[in-house]
PDB file of N, CA and C in Angstrom:
ATOM      1  N   MET A   1      30.669-104.929 -13.687  1.00  0.00           N
ATOM      2  CA  MET A   1      29.753-104.426 -14.775  1.00  0.00           C
ATOM      3  C   MET A   1      30.274-102.627 -15.284  1.00  0.00           C
ATOM      4  N   PHE A   2      30.611-101.675 -14.240  1.00  0.00           N
ATOM      5  CA  PHE A   2      31.191-100.719 -14.936  1.00  0.00           C
ATOM      6  C   PHE A   2      32.224-101.129 -15.766  1.00  0.00           C
ATOM      7  N   SER A   3      32.957-102.114 -15.955  1.00  0.00           N
ATOM      8  CA  SER A   3      34.607-102.263 -16.335  1.00  0.00           C
ATOM      9  C   SER A   3      33.602-102.573 -17.660  1.00  0.00           C
ATOM     10  N   THR A   4      33.166-103.358 -17.505  1.00  0.00           N
ATOM     11  CA  THR A   4      32.423-104.318 -19.442  1.00  0.00           C
ATOM     12  C   THR A   4      31.984-102.870 -19.975  1.00  0.00           C
ATOM     13  N   THR A   5      31.359-102.015 -19.326  1.00  0.00           N
ATOM     14  CA  THR A   5      30.446-101.450 -20.327  1.00  0.00           C
ATOM     15  C   THR A   5      31.370-100.325 -20.623  1.00  0.00           C
ATOM     16  N   LEU A   6      32.183-100.006 -20.108  1.00  0.00           N
ATOM     17  CA  LEU A   6      33.283 -99.302 -20.309  1.00  0.00           C
ATOM     18  C   LEU A   6      34.402-100.150 -21.625  1.00  0.00           C
ATOM     19  N   LYS A   7      34.806-100.471 -21.506  1.00  0.00           N
ATOM     20  CA  LYS A   7      35.287-100.900 -22.752  1.00  0.00           C
ATOM     21  C   LYS A   7      34.540-101.510 -24.336  1.00  0.00           C
ATOM     22  N   HIS A   8      33.467-101.673 -23.809  1.00  0.00           N
ATOM     23  CA  HIS A   8      32.820-102.209 -25.121  1.00  0.00           C
ATOM     24  C   HIS A   8      31.999-100.541 -25.311  1.00  0.00           C
ATOM     25  N   LEU A   9      31.899 -99.591 -24.812  1.00  0.00           N
ATOM     26  CA  LEU A   9      32.313 -97.987 -25.604  1.00  0.00           C
ATOM     27  C   LEU A   9      33.342 -97.640 -26.190  1.00  0.00           C
ATOM     28  N   LEU A  10      34.493 -97.470 -25.396  1.00  0.00           N
ATOM     29  CA  LEU A  10      35.932 -97.215 -25.363  1.00  0.00           C
ATOM     30  C   LEU A  10      36.092 -98.197 -27.267  1.00  0.00           C
ATOM     31  N   LYS A  11      35.287 -99.949 -27.534  1.00  0.00           N
ATOM     32  CA  LYS A  11      35.774-100.333 -28.623  1.00  0.00           C
ATOM     33  C   LYS A  11      35.475 -99.228 -29.500  1.00  0.00           C
ATOM     34  N   THR A  12      33.740 -99.133 -29.180  1.00  0.00           N
ATOM     35  CA  THR A  12      33.005 -98.888 -30.858  1.00  0.00           C
ATOM     36  C   THR A  12      33.168 -98.004 -30.990  1.00  0.00           C
ATOM     37  N   SER A  13      33.743 -97.068 -30.047  1.00  0.00           N
ATOM     38  CA  SER A  13      34.183 -95.536 -30.390  1.00  0.00           C
ATOM     39  C   SER A  13      35.603 -95.530 -30.737  1.00  0.00           C
ATOM     40  N   GLY A  14      36.374 -96.371 -31.307  1.00  0.00           N
ATOM     41  CA  GLY A  14      37.326 -96.965 -31.483  1.00  0.00           C
ATOM     42  C   GLY A  14      38.434 -96.917 -30.965  1.00  0.00           C
ATOM     43  N   TYR A  15      38.571 -96.834 -29.697  1.00  0.00           N
ATOM     44  CA  TYR A  15      39.962 -96.661 -29.056  1.00  0.00           C
ATOM     45  C   TYR A  15      40.328 -98.079 -28.199  1.00  0.00           C
ATOM     46  N   LYS A  16      41.505 -98.011 -28.103  1.00  0.00           N
ATOM     47  CA  LYS A  16      41.876 -99.661 -27.584  1.00  0.00           C
ATOM     48  C   LYS A  16      41.577 -99.528 -26.018  1.00  0.00           C
ATOM     49  N   PRO A  17      40.733-100.390 -25.735  1.00  0.00           N
ATOM     50  CA  PRO A  17      40.309-100.498 -24.263  1.00  0.00           C
ATOM     51  C   PRO A  17      41.355-100.640 -23.778  1.00  0.00           C
ATOM     52  N   GLN A  18      42.490-101.638 -23.899  1.00  0.00           N
ATOM     53  CA  GLN A  18      43.795-101.784 -23.500  1.00  0.00           C
ATOM     54  C   GLN A  18      44.325-100.889 -22.593  1.00  0.00           C
ATOM     55  N   HIS A  19      43.904 -99.683 -23.331  1.00  0.00           N
ATOM     56  CA  HIS A  19      44.681 -98.827 -22.806  1.00  0.00           C
ATOM     57  C   HIS A  19      44.260 -97.568 -21.829  1.00  0.00           C
ATOM     58  N   PHE A  20      42.929 -98.362 -20.920  1.00  0.00           N
ATOM     59  CA  PHE A  20      42.312 -97.510 -19.975  1.00  0.00           C
ATOM     60  C   PHE A  20      41.919 -98.953 -19.228  1.00  0.00           C
ATOM     61  N   SER A  21      41.377 -98.290 -17.949  1.00  0.00           N
ATOM     62  CA  SER A  21      41.174 -99.036 -16.613  1.00  0.00           C
ATOM     63  C   SER A  21      40.268 -98.186 -15.636  1.00  0.00           C
ATOM     64  N   ILE A  22      39.787 -98.697 -15.361  1.00  0.00           N
ATOM     65  CA  ILE A  22      38.811 -98.569 -13.948  1.00  0.00           C
ATOM     66  C   ILE A  22      39.767 -97.471 -12.708  1.00  0.00           C
ATOM     67  N   HIS A  23      41.123 -97.719 -12.744  1.00  0.00           N
ATOM     68  CA  HIS A  23      41.768 -97.207 -11.970  1.00  0.00           C
ATOM     69  C   HIS A  23      42.113 -95.900 -12.333  1.00  0.00           C
ATOM     70  N   SER A  24      41.811 -95.758 -13.711  1.00  0.00           N
ATOM     71  CA  SER A  24      42.255 -94.652 -14.202  1.00  0.00           C
ATOM     72  C   SER A  24      41.555 -93.448 -14.417  1.00  0.00           C
ATOM     73  N   PHE A  25      40.395 -93.986 -14.022  1.00  0.00           N
ATOM     74  CA  PHE A  25      38.932 -93.215 -13.285  1.00  0.00           C
ATOM     75  C   PHE A  25      38.862 -92.416 -12.209  1.00  0.00           C
ATOM     76  N   ARG A  26      39.192 -94.114 -11.454  1.00  0.00           N
ATOM     77  CA  ARG A  26      39.335 -93.371  -9.785  1.00  0.00           C
ATOM     78  C   ARG A  26      40.383 -92.973  -9.511  1.00  0.00           C
ATOM     79  N   ARG A  27      41.053 -92.048 -10.331  1.00  0.00           N
ATOM     80  CA  ARG A  27      42.342 -91.850  -9.969  1.00  0.00           C
ATOM     81  C   ARG A  27      42.123 -90.417 -10.438  1.00  0.00           C
ATOM     82  N   GLY A  28      40.987 -89.981 -11.651  1.00  0.00           N
ATOM     83  CA  GLY A  28      41.097 -88.808 -12.114  1.00  0.00           C
ATOM     84  C   GLY A  28      39.925 -88.248 -11.310  1.00  0.00           C
ATOM     85  N   ALA A  29      39.285 -89.029 -10.893  1.00  0.00           N
ATOM     86  CA  ALA A  29      37.639 -88.895 -10.793  1.00  0.00           C
ATOM     87  C   ALA A  29      38.607 -87.739  -9.211  1.00  0.00           C
ATOM     88  N   ALA A  30      39.299 -88.832  -8.128  1.00  0.00           N
ATOM     89  CA  ALA A  30      39.353 -88.426  -7.074  1.00  0.00           C
ATOM     90  C   ALA A  30      40.707 -87.180  -7.241  1.00  0.00           C
ATOM     91  N   THR A  31      41.278 -86.841  -8.413  1.00  0.00           N
ATOM     92  CA  THR A  31      41.819 -85.572  -8.770  1.00  0.00           C
ATOM     93  C   THR A  31      41.277 -84.736  -9.131  1.00  0.00           C
ATOM     94  N   PHE A  32      40.823 -85.122  -9.756  1.00  0.00           N
ATOM     95  CA  PHE A  32      38.759 -83.341 -10.074  1.00  0.00           C
ATOM     96  C   PHE A  32      38.664 -83.286  -8.885  1.00  0.00           C
ATOM     97  N   ALA A  33      37.991 -83.547  -8.018  1.00  0.00           N
ATOM     98  CA  ALA A  33      37.229 -83.465  -6.580  1.00  0.00           C
ATOM     99  C   ALA A  33      38.768 -82.896  -6.173  1.00  0.00           C
ATOM    100  N   ALA A  34      39.583 -83.336  -5.624  1.00  0.00           N
ATOM    101  CA  ALA A  34      40.461 -82.251  -5.009  1.00  0.00           C
ATOM    102  C   ALA A  34      40.489 -81.113  -5.395  1.00  0.00           C
ATOM    103  N   ALA A  35      41.336 -80.677  -6.895  1.00  0.00           N
ATOM    104  CA  ALA A  35      41.090 -79.868  -7.613  1.00  0.00           C
ATOM    105  C   ALA A  35      40.144 -78.513  -7.453  1.00  0.00           C
ATOM    106  N   ALA A  36      38.235 -79.403  -7.230  1.00  0.00           N
ATOM    107  CA  ALA A  36      37.060 -78.369  -7.018  1.00  0.00           C
ATOM    108  C   ALA A  36      37.094 -77.981  -5.593  1.00  0.00           C
ATOM    109  N   GLY A  37      37.732 -78.761  -4.693  1.00  0.00           N
ATOM    110  CA  GLY A  37      37.689 -77.952  -3.521  1.00  0.00           C
ATOM    111  C   GLY A  37      36.643 -78.733  -2.614  1.00  0.00           C
ATOM    112  N   ILE A  38      36.387 -80.415  -3.956  1.00  0.00           N
ATOM    113  CA  ILE A  38      35.164 -81.208  -2.790  1.00  0.00           C
ATOM    114  C   ILE A  38      36.198 -81.803  -0.940  1.00  0.00           C
ATOM    115  N   PHE A  39      35.060 -81.599  -0.405  1.00  0.00           N
ATOM    116  CA  PHE A  39      35.529 -82.527   1.175  1.00  0.00           C
ATOM    117  C   PHE A  39      35.750 -83.891   1.379  1.00  0.00           C
ATOM    118  N   GLU A  40      37.009 -83.757   1.626  1.00  0.00           N
ATOM    119  CA  GLU A  40      37.888 -85.217   1.758  1.00  0.00           C
ATOM    120  C   GLU A  40      37.111 -86.672   1.998  1.00  0.00           C
ATOM    121  N   ASP A  41      35.770 -86.123   2.926  1.00  0.00           N
ATOM    122  CA  ASP A  41      34.593 -87.022   3.410  1.00  0.00           C
ATOM    123  C   ASP A  41      33.339 -87.699   2.341  1.00  0.00           C
ATOM    124  N   VAL A  42      33.676 -87.182   1.306  1.00  0.00           N
ATOM    125  CA  VAL A  42      32.801 -86.534   0.275  1.00  0.00           C
ATOM    126  C   VAL A  42      33.683 -87.125  -0.676  1.00  0.00           C
ATOM    127  N   ILE A  43      34.987 -87.578  -1.174  1.00  0.00           N
ATOM    128  CA  ILE A  43      35.708 -88.429  -2.112  1.00  0.00           C
ATOM    129  C   ILE A  43      35.795 -89.523  -1.257  1.00  0.00           C
ATOM    130  N   LYS A  44      36.220 -89.590  -0.138  1.00  0.00           N
ATOM    131  CA  LYS A  44      36.572 -90.938   0.059  1.00  0.00           C
ATOM    132  C   LYS A  44      34.940 -92.017   0.200  1.00  0.00           C
ATOM    133  N   ALA A  45      33.938 -90.916  -0.020  1.00  0.00           N
ATOM    134  CA  ALA A  45      32.460 -91.758  -0.282  1.00  0.00           C
ATOM    135  C   ALA A  45      32.486 -92.720  -1.508  1.00  0.00           C
ATOM    136  N   GLN A  46      32.887 -91.115  -2.500  1.00  0.00           N
ATOM    137  CA  GLN A  46      32.268 -91.735  -3.685  1.00  0.00           C
ATOM    138  C   GLN A  46      33.070 -92.542  -3.977  1.00  0.00           C
ATOM    139  N   GLY A  47      34.704 -93.071  -3.805  1.00  0.00           N
ATOM    140  CA  GLY A  47      35.481 -93.835  -3.872  1.00  0.00           C
ATOM    141  C   GLY A  47      35.213 -94.885  -3.277  1.00  0.00           C
ATOM    142  N   THR A  48      34.839 -95.070  -2.303  1.00  0.00           N
ATOM    143  CA  THR A  48      34.481 -96.317  -1.157  1.00  0.00           C
ATOM    144  C   THR A  48      35.760 -96.675  -0.549  1.00  0.00           C
ATOM    145  N   TRP A  49      36.782 -95.742  -0.061  1.00  0.00           N
ATOM    146  CA  TRP A  49      37.669 -95.415   0.571  1.00  0.00           C
ATOM    147  C   TRP A  49      37.038 -95.505   2.075  1.00  0.00           C
ATOM    148  N   ARG A  50      37.990 -96.278   2.586  1.00  0.00           N
ATOM    149  CA  ARG A  50      37.006 -96.439   3.954  1.00  0.00           C
ATOM    150  C   ARG A  50      38.836 -95.528   5.423  1.00  0.00           C
ATOM    151  N   SER A  51      39.901 -95.550   4.388  1.00  0.00           N
ATOM    152  CA  SER A  51      41.384 -94.451   4.898  1.00  0.00           C
ATOM    153  C   SER A  51      41.375 -94.308   4.914  1.00  0.00           C
ATOM    154  N   SER A  52      43.040 -93.164   4.822  1.00  0.00           N
ATOM    155  CA  SER A  52      43.555 -92.311   4.135  1.00  0.00           C
ATOM    156  C   SER A  52      43.638 -92.358   2.808  1.00  0.00           C
ATOM    157  N   CYS A  53      44.090 -94.154   2.566  1.00  0.00           N
ATOM    158  CA  CYS A  53      44.634 -94.411   1.448  1.00  0.00           C
ATOM    159  C   CYS A  53      44.397 -93.567  -0.467  1.00  0.00           C
ATOM    160  N   TYR A  54      43.669 -92.948   0.346  1.00  0.00           N
ATOM    161  CA  TYR A  54      42.631 -92.002  -0.975  1.00  0.00           C
ATOM    162  C   TYR A  54      43.154 -90.722  -2.169  1.00  0.00           C
ATOM    163  N   LYS A  55      44.172 -90.846  -0.853  1.00  0.00           N
ATOM    164  CA  LYS A  55      45.095 -89.710  -0.890  1.00  0.00           C
ATOM    165  C   LYS A  55      46.417 -90.039  -2.127  1.00  0.00           C
ATOM    166  N   ARG A  56      46.600 -90.937  -2.138  1.00  0.00           N
ATOM    167  CA  ARG A  56      47.876 -91.466  -3.097  1.00  0.00           C
ATOM    168  C   ARG A  56      47.072 -91.688  -4.404  1.00  0.00           C
ATOM    169  N   TYR A  57      45.653 -91.333  -4.308  1.00  0.00           N
ATOM    170  CA  TYR A  57      45.054 -91.403  -5.694  1.00  0.00           C
ATOM    171  C   TYR A  57      45.013 -89.708  -6.380  1.00  0.00           C
ATOM    172  N   ILE A  58      45.477 -88.926  -5.390  1.00  0.00           N
ATOM    173  CA  ILE A  58      45.242 -87.882  -5.950  1.00  0.00           C
ATOM    174  C   ILE A  58      46.113 -86.934  -6.617  1.00  0.00           C
ATOM    175  N   ASP A  59      46.680 -86.429  -8.024  1.00  0.00           N
ATOM    176  CA  ASP A  59      47.381 -86.472  -8.593  1.00  0.00           C
ATOM    177  C   ASP A  59      48.036 -85.225  -8.278  1.00  0.00           C
ATOM    178  N   ARG A  60      48.772 -84.631  -7.106  1.00  0.00           N
ATOM    179  CA  ARG A  60      48.524 -82.957  -6.804  1.00  0.00           C
ATOM    180  C   ARG A  60      49.352 -82.637  -8.335  1.00  0.00           C
ATOM    181  N   ASP A  61      50.201 -83.666  -9.030  1.00  0.00           N
ATOM    182  CA  ASP A  61      51.474 -82.740 -10.261  1.00  0.00           C
ATOM    183  C   ASP A  61      50.066 -82.112 -11.253  1.00  0.00           C
ATOM    184  N   VAL A  62      48.799 -82.381 -10.767  1.00  0.00           N
ATOM    185  CA  VAL A  62      48.265 -82.028 -12.131  1.00  0.00           C
ATOM    186  C   VAL A  62      47.959 -80.228 -12.042  1.00  0.00           C
ATOM    187  N   GLU A  63      48.076 -79.816 -10.571  1.00  0.00           N
ATOM    188  CA  GLU A  63      47.571 -78.310  -9.985  1.00  0.00           C
ATOM    189  C   GLU A  63      48.728 -77.908 -10.462  1.00  0.00           C
ATOM    190  N   LEU A  64      49.875 -78.483  -9.925  1.00  0.00           N
ATOM    191  CA  LEU A  64      51.157 -77.874 -10.279  1.00  0.00           C
ATOM    192  C   LEU A  64      51.527 -77.648 -11.533  1.00  0.00           C
ATOM    193  N   ARG A  65      51.258 -78.202 -12.833  1.00  0.00           N
ATOM    194  CA  ARG A  65      51.440 -78.018 -14.362  1.00  0.00           C
ATOM    195  C   ARG A  65      50.510 -77.332 -14.621  1.00  0.00           C
ATOM    196  N   GLN A  66      48.995 -76.863 -13.556  1.00  0.00           N
ATOM    197  CA  GLN A  66      48.130 -76.108 -14.602  1.00  0.00           C
ATOM    198  C   GLN A  66      48.296 -74.715 -14.329  1.00  0.00           C
ATOM    199  N   GLN A  67      49.292 -75.130 -12.517  1.00  0.00           N
ATOM    200  CA  GLN A  67      49.632 -73.481 -11.977  1.00  0.00           C
ATOM    201  C   GLN A  67      50.710 -72.874 -12.984  1.00  0.00           C
ATOM    202  N   PHE A  68      50.935 -73.896 -13.709  1.00  0.00           N
ATOM    203  CA  PHE A  68      52.282 -72.963 -14.198  1.00  0.00           C
ATOM    204  C   PHE A  68      52.074 -72.284 -15.766  1.00  0.00           C
ATOM    205  N   ALA A  69      51.421 -72.908 -16.369  1.00  0.00           N
ATOM    206  CA  ALA A  69      50.970 -72.629 -17.826  1.00  0.00           C
ATOM    207  C   ALA A  69      50.064 -71.667 -17.813  1.00  0.00           C
ATOM    208  N   ASN A  70      49.083 -71.292 -16.278  1.00  0.00           N
ATOM    209  CA  ASN A  70      49.047 -70.073 -15.963  1.00  0.00           C
ATOM    210  C   ASN A  70      49.383 -69.295 -15.999  1.00  0.00           C
ATOM    211  N   GLN A  71      50.988 -69.133 -15.012  1.00  0.00           N
ATOM    212  CA  GLN A  71      51.566 -68.526 -15.000  1.00  0.00           C
ATOM    213  C   GLN A  71      52.288 -67.850 -16.192  1.00  0.00           C
ATOM    214  N   VAL A  72      52.844 -69.214 -17.138  1.00  0.00           N
ATOM    215  CA  VAL A  72      53.415 -68.505 -18.056  1.00  0.00           C
ATOM    216  C   VAL A  72      52.378 -68.223 -19.082  1.00  0.00           C
ATOM    217  N   LYS A  73      51.685 -68.218 -19.254  1.00  0.00           N
ATOM    218  CA  LYS A  73      50.084 -67.419 -20.167  1.00  0.00           C
ATOM    219  C   LYS A  73      50.055 -66.483 -20.001  1.00  0.00           C
ATOM    220  N   GLU A  74      50.202 -66.182 -18.435  1.00  0.00           N
ATOM    221  CA  GLU A  74      49.609 -64.251 -18.305  1.00  0.00           C
ATOM    222  C   GLU A  74      51.256 -63.432 -18.687  1.00  0.00           C
ATOM    223  N   ALA A  75      52.003 -64.271 -17.840  1.00  0.00           N
ATOM    224  CA  ALA A  75      53.347 -63.438 -18.559  1.00  0.00           C
ATOM    225  C   ALA A  75      53.916 -63.222 -20.067  1.00  0.00           C
ATOM    226  N   VAL A  76      53.638 -63.997 -20.771  1.00  0.00           N
ATOM    227  CA  VAL A  76      53.633 -64.217 -22.054  1.00  0.00           C
ATOM    228  C   VAL A  76      52.449 -62.896 -23.084  1.00  0.00           C
ATOM    229  N   SER A  77      51.593 -62.864 -22.045  1.00  0.00           N
ATOM    230  CA  SER A  77      50.009 -61.696 -22.317  1.00  0.00           C
ATOM    231  C   SER A  77      50.674 -60.535 -21.969  1.00  0.00           C
ATOM    232  N   ARG A  78      51.667 -60.812 -20.607  1.00  0.00           N
ATOM    233  CA  ARG A  78      52.028 -59.443 -20.731  1.00  0.00           C
ATOM    234  C   ARG A  78      53.371 -58.284 -21.263  1.00  0.00           C
ATOM    235  N   THR A  79      54.051 -59.615 -22.455  1.00  0.00           N
ATOM    236  CA  THR A  79      55.108 -59.237 -22.761  1.00  0.00           C
ATOM    237  C   THR A  79      54.329 -59.243 -24.224  1.00  0.00           C
ATOM    238  N   LEU A  80      53.356 -59.531 -24.868  1.00  0.00           N
ATOM    239  CA  LEU A  80      52.929 -59.412 -26.260  1.00  0.00           C
ATOM    240  C   LEU A  80      52.063 -58.256 -26.272  1.00  0.00           C
ATOM    241  N   SER A  81      51.837 -57.138 -24.569  1.00  0.00           N
ATOM    242  CA  SER A  81      50.655 -56.388 -24.695  1.00  0.00           C
ATOM    243  C   SER A  81      51.666 -54.650 -24.742  1.00  0.00           C
TER     244      SER A  81
END
């Protein structure tokens, strides 16, 4: 049901539904929750995972890229001021 609704909303919004999947939302939600400090048990329950396999969905590189961007921003700000 969610998949059908998602594809319909994407199509009516002018996006190509074939470029999106439920998997993207599971991965994104798990990554966001982990970065926000949500407890592992809550992430597992929300994603209906029973094992630790949910950890494979979490993209830790997102956090590293954000840290890098913040450090560059701070360095540039210090240089320009």
